[in-house]
Amino acid sequence: MSSGHIERKMLRAWNTPGLASIGAFLGIAMATIHQVHHVILDNLPEQSAVVHIFGELFAATAFGAVVLAGISEVRNRLVRLVG
């Protein structure tokens, strides 16, 4: 720092598969909370409740994984551009 230049920190890449796993688990948690809310309010569809529950569980899991993996990938590409 004596020369007046600010040193750049070495930025490590984020673990995209790991973040996708975390996103999937967050999706599972959110879908479970949502389904518990339906059960508490007695608001489940009478026909095909199993399809409704597992459909939303699958969608939330996939969505959480894709969102966090996408955020990680965009961040890693930006770090490579800047660094």
PDB file of N, CA and C in Angstrom:
ATOM      1  N   MET A   1       0.819  -1.177   0.000  1.00  0.00           N
ATOM      2  CA  MET A   1       0.000   0.000   0.000  1.00  0.00           C
ATOM      3  C   MET A   1       0.873   1.254   0.000  1.00  0.00           C
ATOM      4  N   SER A   2       2.144   1.059   0.158  1.00  0.00           N
ATOM      5  CA  SER A   2       3.035   2.211   0.210  1.00  0.00           C
ATOM      6  C   SER A   2       3.134   2.926  -1.131  1.00  0.00           C
ATOM      7  N   SER A   3       2.856   2.223  -2.230  1.00  0.00           N
ATOM      8  CA  SER A   3       2.939   2.858  -3.543  1.00  0.00           C
ATOM      9  C   SER A   3       1.648   3.572  -3.922  1.00  0.00           C
ATOM     10  N   GLY A   4       0.639   3.514  -3.083  1.00  0.00           N
ATOM     11  CA  GLY A   4      -0.612   4.208  -3.368  1.00  0.00           C
ATOM     12  C   GLY A   4      -1.621   3.361  -4.131  1.00  0.00           C
ATOM     13  N   HIS A   5      -1.283   2.147  -4.457  1.00  0.00           N
ATOM     14  CA  HIS A   5      -2.209   1.278  -5.172  1.00  0.00           C
ATOM     15  C   HIS A   5      -2.978   0.403  -4.181  1.00  0.00           C
ATOM     16  N   ILE A   6      -4.226   0.215  -4.497  1.00  0.00           N
ATOM     17  CA  ILE A   6      -5.049  -0.668  -3.669  1.00  0.00           C
ATOM     18  C   ILE A   6      -4.889  -2.083  -4.201  1.00  0.00           C
ATOM     19  N   GLU A   7      -4.548  -2.996  -3.309  1.00  0.00           N
ATOM     20  CA  GLU A   7      -4.369  -4.382  -3.720  1.00  0.00           C
ATOM     21  C   GLU A   7      -5.720  -5.043  -3.928  1.00  0.00           C
ATOM     22  N   ARG A   8      -5.812  -5.816  -4.983  1.00  0.00           N
ATOM     23  CA  ARG A   8      -7.037  -6.564  -5.242  1.00  0.00           C
ATOM     24  C   ARG A   8      -6.995  -7.876  -4.486  1.00  0.00           C
ATOM     25  N   LYS A   9      -8.114  -8.220  -3.878  1.00  0.00           N
ATOM     26  CA  LYS A   9      -8.208  -9.503  -3.216  1.00  0.00           C
ATOM     27  C   LYS A   9      -8.456 -10.559  -4.281  1.00  0.00           C
ATOM     28  N   MET A  10      -7.905 -11.710  -4.064  1.00  0.00           N
ATOM     29  CA  MET A  10      -8.172 -12.815  -4.971  1.00  0.00           C
ATOM     30  C   MET A  10      -9.556 -13.362  -4.655  1.00  0.00           C
ATOM     31  N   LEU A  11     -10.458 -13.270  -5.611  1.00  0.00           N
ATOM     32  CA  LEU A  11     -11.811 -13.760  -5.411  1.00  0.00           C
ATOM     33  C   LEU A  11     -11.906 -15.195  -5.901  1.00  0.00           C
ATOM     34  N   ARG A  12     -12.399 -16.051  -5.035  1.00  0.00           N
ATOM     35  CA  ARG A  12     -12.559 -17.450  -5.405  1.00  0.00           C
ATOM     36  C   ARG A  12     -13.917 -17.650  -6.051  1.00  0.00           C
ATOM     37  N   ALA A  13     -13.980 -18.627  -6.927  1.00  0.00           N
ATOM     38  CA  ALA A  13     -15.246 -18.957  -7.570  1.00  0.00           C
ATOM     39  C   ALA A  13     -16.183 -19.611  -6.568  1.00  0.00           C
ATOM     40  N   TRP A  14     -17.466 -19.322  -6.709  1.00  0.00           N
ATOM     41  CA  TRP A  14     -18.458 -19.962  -5.865  1.00  0.00           C
ATOM     42  C   TRP A  14     -18.691 -21.382  -6.362  1.00  0.00           C
ATOM     43  N   ASN A  15     -19.040 -22.252  -5.474  1.00  0.00           N
ATOM     44  CA  ASN A  15     -19.297 -23.653  -5.773  1.00  0.00           C
ATOM     45  C   ASN A  15     -20.720 -23.785  -6.324  1.00  0.00           C
ATOM     46  N   THR A  16     -20.859 -23.799  -7.643  1.00  0.00           N
ATOM     47  CA  THR A  16     -22.172 -23.816  -8.273  1.00  0.00           C
ATOM     48  C   THR A  16     -22.984 -25.068  -7.927  1.00  0.00           C
ATOM     49  N   PRO A  17     -22.424 -26.281  -8.008  1.00  0.00           N
ATOM     50  CA  PRO A  17     -23.234 -27.447  -7.617  1.00  0.00           C
ATOM     51  C   PRO A  17     -23.646 -27.419  -6.146  1.00  0.00           C
ATOM     52  N   GLY A  18     -22.776 -26.925  -5.299  1.00  0.00           N
ATOM     53  CA  GLY A  18     -23.122 -26.821  -3.883  1.00  0.00           C
ATOM     54  C   GLY A  18     -24.255 -25.840  -3.646  1.00  0.00           C
ATOM     55  N   LEU A  19     -24.214 -24.712  -4.343  1.00  0.00           N
ATOM     56  CA  LEU A  19     -25.292 -23.740  -4.201  1.00  0.00           C
ATOM     57  C   LEU A  19     -26.588 -24.251  -4.813  1.00  0.00           C
ATOM     58  N   ALA A  20     -26.482 -25.052  -5.869  1.00  0.00           N
ATOM     59  CA  ALA A  20     -27.687 -25.658  -6.450  1.00  0.00           C
ATOM     60  C   ALA A  20     -28.327 -26.601  -5.428  1.00  0.00           C
ATOM     61  N   SER A  21     -27.510 -27.331  -4.689  1.00  0.00           N
ATOM     62  CA  SER A  21     -28.038 -28.220  -3.649  1.00  0.00           C
ATOM     63  C   SER A  21     -28.717 -27.424  -2.539  1.00  0.00           C
ATOM     64  N   ILE A  22     -28.094 -26.343  -2.135  1.00  0.00           N
ATOM     65  CA  ILE A  22     -28.698 -25.493  -1.107  1.00  0.00           C
ATOM     66  C   ILE A  22     -30.022 -24.924  -1.614  1.00  0.00           C
ATOM     67  N   GLY A  23     -30.051 -24.500  -2.882  1.00  0.00           N
ATOM     68  CA  GLY A  23     -31.288 -23.985  -3.465  1.00  0.00           C
ATOM     69  C   GLY A  23     -32.377 -25.037  -3.505  1.00  0.00           C
ATOM     70  N   ALA A  24     -31.997 -26.274  -3.815  1.00  0.00           N
ATOM     71  CA  ALA A  24     -32.978 -27.358  -3.830  1.00  0.00           C
ATOM     72  C   ALA A  24     -33.543 -27.589  -2.437  1.00  0.00           C
ATOM     73  N   PHE A  25     -32.687 -27.589  -1.429  1.00  0.00           N
ATOM     74  CA  PHE A  25     -33.165 -27.779  -0.063  1.00  0.00           C
ATOM     75  C   PHE A  25     -34.037 -26.607   0.393  1.00  0.00           C
ATOM     76  N   LEU A  26     -33.699 -25.401  -0.014  1.00  0.00           N
ATOM     77  CA  LEU A  26     -34.551 -24.256   0.314  1.00  0.00           C
ATOM     78  C   LEU A  26     -35.907 -24.383  -0.377  1.00  0.00           C
ATOM     79  N   GLY A  27     -35.900 -24.861  -1.615  1.00  0.00           N
ATOM     80  CA  GLY A  27     -37.158 -25.092  -2.325  1.00  0.00           C
ATOM     81  C   GLY A  27     -38.010 -26.136  -1.631  1.00  0.00           C
ATOM     82  N   ILE A  28     -37.378 -27.203  -1.168  1.00  0.00           N
ATOM     83  CA  ILE A  28     -38.110 -28.238  -0.434  1.00  0.00           C
ATOM     84  C   ILE A  28     -38.709 -27.649   0.844  1.00  0.00           C
ATOM     85  N   ALA A  29     -37.940 -26.853   1.553  1.00  0.00           N
ATOM     86  CA  ALA A  29     -38.427 -26.250   2.795  1.00  0.00           C
ATOM     87  C   ALA A  29     -39.606 -25.322   2.520  1.00  0.00           C
ATOM     88  N   MET A  30     -39.496 -24.492   1.491  1.00  0.00           N
ATOM     89  CA  MET A  30     -40.583 -23.563   1.175  1.00  0.00           C
ATOM     90  C   MET A  30     -41.841 -24.307   0.740  1.00  0.00           C
ATOM     91  N   ALA A  31     -41.686 -25.346  -0.068  1.00  0.00           N
ATOM     92  CA  ALA A  31     -42.844 -26.127  -0.507  1.00  0.00           C
ATOM     93  C   ALA A  31     -43.484 -26.856   0.663  1.00  0.00           C
ATOM     94  N   THR A  32     -42.686 -27.348   1.581  1.00  0.00           N
ATOM     95  CA  THR A  32     -43.230 -28.030   2.752  1.00  0.00           C
ATOM     96  C   THR A  32     -44.012 -27.062   3.629  1.00  0.00           C
ATOM     97  N   ILE A  33     -43.461 -25.888   3.846  1.00  0.00           N
ATOM     98  CA  ILE A  33     -44.173 -24.868   4.633  1.00  0.00           C
ATOM     99  C   ILE A  33     -45.477 -24.492   3.941  1.00  0.00           C
ATOM    100  N   HIS A  34     -45.442 -24.362   2.628  1.00  0.00           N
ATOM    101  CA  HIS A  34     -46.637 -24.028   1.859  1.00  0.00           C
ATOM    102  C   HIS A  34     -47.699 -25.119   1.995  1.00  0.00           C
ATOM    103  N   GLN A  35     -47.284 -26.382   1.933  1.00  0.00           N
ATOM    104  CA  GLN A  35     -48.245 -27.482   2.051  1.00  0.00           C
ATOM    105  C   GLN A  35     -48.792 -27.590   3.473  1.00  0.00           C
ATOM    106  N   VAL A  36     -47.976 -27.336   4.479  1.00  0.00           N
ATOM    107  CA  VAL A  36     -48.459 -27.331   5.860  1.00  0.00           C
ATOM    108  C   VAL A  36     -49.498 -26.229   6.035  1.00  0.00           C
ATOM    109  N   HIS A  37     -49.256 -25.099   5.395  1.00  0.00           N
ATOM    110  CA  HIS A  37     -50.226 -23.999   5.431  1.00  0.00           C
ATOM    111  C   HIS A  37     -51.551 -24.438   4.817  1.00  0.00           C
ATOM    112  N   HIS A  38     -51.491 -25.153   3.685  1.00  0.00           N
ATOM    113  CA  HIS A  38     -52.713 -25.682   3.068  1.00  0.00           C
ATOM    114  C   HIS A  38     -53.442 -26.634   4.019  1.00  0.00           C
ATOM    115  N   VAL A  39     -52.698 -27.496   4.689  1.00  0.00           N
ATOM    116  CA  VAL A  39     -53.308 -28.472   5.592  1.00  0.00           C
ATOM    117  C   VAL A  39     -53.952 -27.778   6.780  1.00  0.00           C
ATOM    118  N   ILE A  40     -53.274 -26.779   7.337  1.00  0.00           N
ATOM    119  CA  ILE A  40     -53.821 -26.051   8.483  1.00  0.00           C
ATOM    120  C   ILE A  40     -55.141 -25.367   8.110  1.00  0.00           C
ATOM    121  N   LEU A  41     -55.194 -24.790   6.920  1.00  0.00           N
ATOM    122  CA  LEU A  41     -56.412 -24.113   6.477  1.00  0.00           C
ATOM    123  C   LEU A  41     -57.433 -25.073   5.867  1.00  0.00           C
ATOM    124  N   ASP A  42     -57.088 -26.357   5.807  1.00  0.00           N
ATOM    125  CA  ASP A  42     -57.941 -27.372   5.175  1.00  0.00           C
ATOM    126  C   ASP A  42     -58.306 -26.938   3.754  1.00  0.00           C
ATOM    127  N   ASN A  43     -57.274 -26.605   2.994  1.00  0.00           N
ATOM    128  CA  ASN A  43     -57.456 -26.033   1.669  1.00  0.00           C
ATOM    129  C   ASN A  43     -56.783 -26.880   0.582  1.00  0.00           C
ATOM    130  N   LEU A  44     -56.641 -28.172   0.826  1.00  0.00           N
ATOM    131  CA  LEU A  44     -56.066 -29.053  -0.195  1.00  0.00           C
ATOM    132  C   LEU A  44     -57.142 -29.444  -1.197  1.00  0.00           C
ATOM    133  N   PRO A  45     -56.778 -29.600  -2.462  1.00  0.00           N
ATOM    134  CA  PRO A  45     -57.772 -30.047  -3.437  1.00  0.00           C
ATOM    135  C   PRO A  45     -58.214 -31.475  -3.117  1.00  0.00           C
ATOM    136  N   GLU A  46     -59.504 -31.743  -3.249  1.00  0.00           N
ATOM    137  CA  GLU A  46     -60.017 -33.063  -2.900  1.00  0.00           C
ATOM    138  C   GLU A  46     -59.569 -34.113  -3.909  1.00  0.00           C
ATOM    139  N   GLN A  47     -59.502 -33.740  -5.167  1.00  0.00           N
ATOM    140  CA  GLN A  47     -59.045 -34.679  -6.187  1.00  0.00           C
ATOM    141  C   GLN A  47     -57.556 -34.465  -6.415  1.00  0.00           C
ATOM    142  N   SER A  48     -56.865 -35.536  -6.507  1.00  0.00           N
ATOM    143  CA  SER A  48     -55.427 -35.552  -6.808  1.00  0.00           C
ATOM    144  C   SER A  48     -54.594 -34.687  -5.864  1.00  0.00           C
ATOM    145  N   ALA A  49     -54.813 -34.823  -4.574  1.00  0.00           N
ATOM    146  CA  ALA A  49     -54.028 -34.066  -3.598  1.00  0.00           C
ATOM    147  C   ALA A  49     -52.560 -34.480  -3.642  1.00  0.00           C
ATOM    148  N   VAL A  50     -52.311 -35.760  -3.875  1.00  0.00           N
ATOM    149  CA  VAL A  50     -50.929 -36.240  -3.934  1.00  0.00           C
ATOM    150  C   VAL A  50     -50.199 -35.609  -5.120  1.00  0.00           C
ATOM    151  N   VAL A  51     -50.880 -35.540  -6.252  1.00  0.00           N
ATOM    152  CA  VAL A  51     -50.274 -34.926  -7.437  1.00  0.00           C
ATOM    153  C   VAL A  51     -50.017 -33.448  -7.178  1.00  0.00           C
ATOM    154  N   HIS A  52     -50.938 -32.791  -6.513  1.00  0.00           N
ATOM    155  CA  HIS A  52     -50.783 -31.372  -6.189  1.00  0.00           C
ATOM    156  C   HIS A  52     -49.570 -31.161  -5.276  1.00  0.00           C
ATOM    157  N   ILE A  53     -49.473 -31.960  -4.235  1.00  0.00           N
ATOM    158  CA  ILE A  53     -48.390 -31.798  -3.260  1.00  0.00           C
ATOM    159  C   ILE A  53     -47.034 -32.085  -3.902  1.00  0.00           C
ATOM    160  N   PHE A  54     -46.919 -33.230  -4.570  1.00  0.00           N
ATOM    161  CA  PHE A  54     -45.621 -33.592  -5.132  1.00  0.00           C
ATOM    162  C   PHE A  54     -45.264 -32.749  -6.355  1.00  0.00           C
ATOM    163  N   GLY A  55     -46.265 -32.271  -7.067  1.00  0.00           N
ATOM    164  CA  GLY A  55     -45.995 -31.370  -8.192  1.00  0.00           C
ATOM    165  C   GLY A  55     -45.383 -30.063  -7.722  1.00  0.00           C
ATOM    166  N   GLU A  56     -45.978 -29.488  -6.676  1.00  0.00           N
ATOM    167  CA  GLU A  56     -45.427 -28.242  -6.137  1.00  0.00           C
ATOM    168  C   GLU A  56     -44.067 -28.474  -5.482  1.00  0.00           C
ATOM    169  N   LEU A  57     -43.900 -29.616  -4.842  1.00  0.00           N
ATOM    170  CA  LEU A  57     -42.610 -29.946  -4.226  1.00  0.00           C
ATOM    171  C   LEU A  57     -41.522 -30.056  -5.287  1.00  0.00           C
ATOM    172  N   PHE A  58     -41.819 -30.747  -6.378  1.00  0.00           N
ATOM    173  CA  PHE A  58     -40.850 -30.885  -7.463  1.00  0.00           C
ATOM    174  C   PHE A  58     -40.529 -29.533  -8.096  1.00  0.00           C
ATOM    175  N   ALA A  59     -41.564 -28.738  -8.357  1.00  0.00           N
ATOM    176  CA  ALA A  59     -41.354 -27.431  -8.992  1.00  0.00           C
ATOM    177  C   ALA A  59     -40.521 -26.505  -8.113  1.00  0.00           C
ATOM    178  N   ALA A  60     -40.820 -26.479  -6.821  1.00  0.00           N
ATOM    179  CA  ALA A  60     -40.068 -25.606  -5.908  1.00  0.00           C
ATOM    180  C   ALA A  60     -38.626 -26.066  -5.766  1.00  0.00           C
ATOM    181  N   THR A  61     -38.406 -27.371  -5.753  1.00  0.00           N
ATOM    182  CA  THR A  61     -37.048 -27.907  -5.660  1.00  0.00           C
ATOM    183  C   THR A  61     -36.234 -27.534  -6.886  1.00  0.00           C
ATOM    184  N   ALA A  62     -36.818 -27.745  -8.051  1.00  0.00           N
ATOM    185  CA  ALA A  62     -36.120 -27.410  -9.301  1.00  0.00           C
ATOM    186  C   ALA A  62     -35.880 -25.912  -9.407  1.00  0.00           C
ATOM    187  N   PHE A  63     -36.867 -25.122  -9.049  1.00  0.00           N
ATOM    188  CA  PHE A  63     -36.735 -23.667  -9.139  1.00  0.00           C
ATOM    189  C   PHE A  63     -35.636 -23.160  -8.209  1.00  0.00           C
ATOM    190  N   GLY A  64     -35.603 -23.632  -6.974  1.00  0.00           N
ATOM    191  CA  GLY A  64     -34.568 -23.207  -6.031  1.00  0.00           C
ATOM    192  C   GLY A  64     -33.180 -23.569  -6.510  1.00  0.00           C
ATOM    193  N   ALA A  65     -33.030 -24.774  -7.057  1.00  0.00           N
ATOM    194  CA  ALA A  65     -31.723 -25.209  -7.551  1.00  0.00           C
ATOM    195  C   ALA A  65     -31.280 -24.370  -8.744  1.00  0.00           C
ATOM    196  N   VAL A  66     -32.192 -24.121  -9.669  1.00  0.00           N
ATOM    197  CA  VAL A  66     -31.844 -23.359 -10.874  1.00  0.00           C
ATOM    198  C   VAL A  66     -31.512 -21.911 -10.531  1.00  0.00           C
ATOM    199  N   VAL A  67     -32.267 -21.315  -9.622  1.00  0.00           N
ATOM    200  CA  VAL A  67     -32.026 -19.906  -9.271  1.00  0.00           C
ATOM    201  C   VAL A  67     -30.664 -19.729  -8.610  1.00  0.00           C
ATOM    202  N   LEU A  68     -30.351 -20.532  -7.598  1.00  0.00           N
ATOM    203  CA  LEU A  68     -29.061 -20.355  -6.929  1.00  0.00           C
ATOM    204  C   LEU A  68     -27.889 -20.760  -7.817  1.00  0.00           C
ATOM    205  N   ALA A  69     -28.060 -21.778  -8.653  1.00  0.00           N
ATOM    206  CA  ALA A  69     -26.992 -22.136  -9.588  1.00  0.00           C
ATOM    207  C   ALA A  69     -26.786 -21.022 -10.610  1.00  0.00           C
ATOM    208  N   GLY A  70     -27.864 -20.422 -11.062  1.00  0.00           N
ATOM    209  CA  GLY A  70     -27.760 -19.314 -12.014  1.00  0.00           C
ATOM    210  C   GLY A  70     -27.071 -18.104 -11.413  1.00  0.00           C
ATOM    211  N   ILE A  71     -27.437 -17.764 -10.187  1.00  0.00           N
ATOM    212  CA  ILE A  71     -26.785 -16.641  -9.503  1.00  0.00           C
ATOM    213  C   ILE A  71     -25.293 -16.916  -9.344  1.00  0.00           C
ATOM    214  N   SER A  72     -24.944 -18.130  -8.967  1.00  0.00           N
ATOM    215  CA  SER A  72     -23.545 -18.500  -8.802  1.00  0.00           C
ATOM    216  C   SER A  72     -22.787 -18.404 -10.119  1.00  0.00           C
ATOM    217  N   GLU A  73     -23.387 -18.888 -11.173  1.00  0.00           N
ATOM    218  CA  GLU A  73     -22.713 -18.876 -12.477  1.00  0.00           C
ATOM    219  C   GLU A  73     -22.509 -17.449 -12.985  1.00  0.00           C
ATOM    220  N   VAL A  74     -23.514 -16.605 -12.831  1.00  0.00           N
ATOM    221  CA  VAL A  74     -23.374 -15.200 -13.246  1.00  0.00           C
ATOM    222  C   VAL A  74     -22.290 -14.520 -12.433  1.00  0.00           C
ATOM    223  N   ARG A  75     -22.266 -14.741 -11.133  1.00  0.00           N
ATOM    224  CA  ARG A  75     -21.250 -14.137 -10.275  1.00  0.00           C
ATOM    225  C   ARG A  75     -19.852 -14.607 -10.663  1.00  0.00           C
ATOM    226  N   ASN A  76     -19.709 -15.916 -10.930  1.00  0.00           N
ATOM    227  CA  ASN A  76     -18.394 -16.438 -11.312  1.00  0.00           C
ATOM    228  C   ASN A  76     -17.920 -15.852 -12.637  1.00  0.00           C
ATOM    229  N   ARG A  77     -18.823 -15.681 -13.585  1.00  0.00           N
ATOM    230  CA  ARG A  77     -18.426 -15.082 -14.871  1.00  0.00           C
ATOM    231  C   ARG A  77     -18.028 -13.623 -14.711  1.00  0.00           C
ATOM    232  N   LEU A  78     -18.748 -12.885 -13.859  1.00  0.00           N
ATOM    233  CA  LEU A  78     -18.385 -11.497 -13.617  1.00  0.00           C
ATOM    234  C   LEU A  78     -17.024 -11.380 -12.953  1.00  0.00           C
ATOM    235  N   VAL A  79     -16.733 -12.279 -12.028  1.00  0.00           N
ATOM    236  CA  VAL A  79     -15.428 -12.273 -11.349  1.00  0.00           C
ATOM    237  C   VAL A  79     -14.324 -12.553 -12.360  1.00  0.00           C
ATOM    238  N   ARG A  80     -14.561 -13.482 -13.284  1.00  0.00           N
ATOM    239  CA  ARG A  80     -13.550 -13.778 -14.316  1.00  0.00           C
ATOM    240  C   ARG A  80     -13.341 -12.593 -15.241  1.00  0.00           C
ATOM    241  N   LEU A  81     -14.397 -11.851 -15.546  1.00  0.00           N
ATOM    242  CA  LEU A  81     -14.260 -10.675 -16.412  1.00  0.00           C
ATOM    243  C   LEU A  81     -13.461  -9.567 -15.745  1.00  0.00           C
ATOM    244  N   VAL A  82     -13.762  -9.326 -14.478  1.00  0.00           N
ATOM    245  CA  VAL A  82     -13.113  -8.234 -13.752  1.00  0.00           C
ATOM    246  C   VAL A  82     -11.676  -8.600 -13.397  1.00  0.00           C
ATOM    247  N   GLY A  83     -11.488  -9.851 -12.971  1.00  0.00           N
ATOM    248  CA  GLY A  83     -10.178 -10.267 -12.495  1.00  0.00           C
ATOM    249  C   GLY A  83      -9.325 -10.668 -13.602  1.00  0.00           C
TER     250      GLY A  83
END
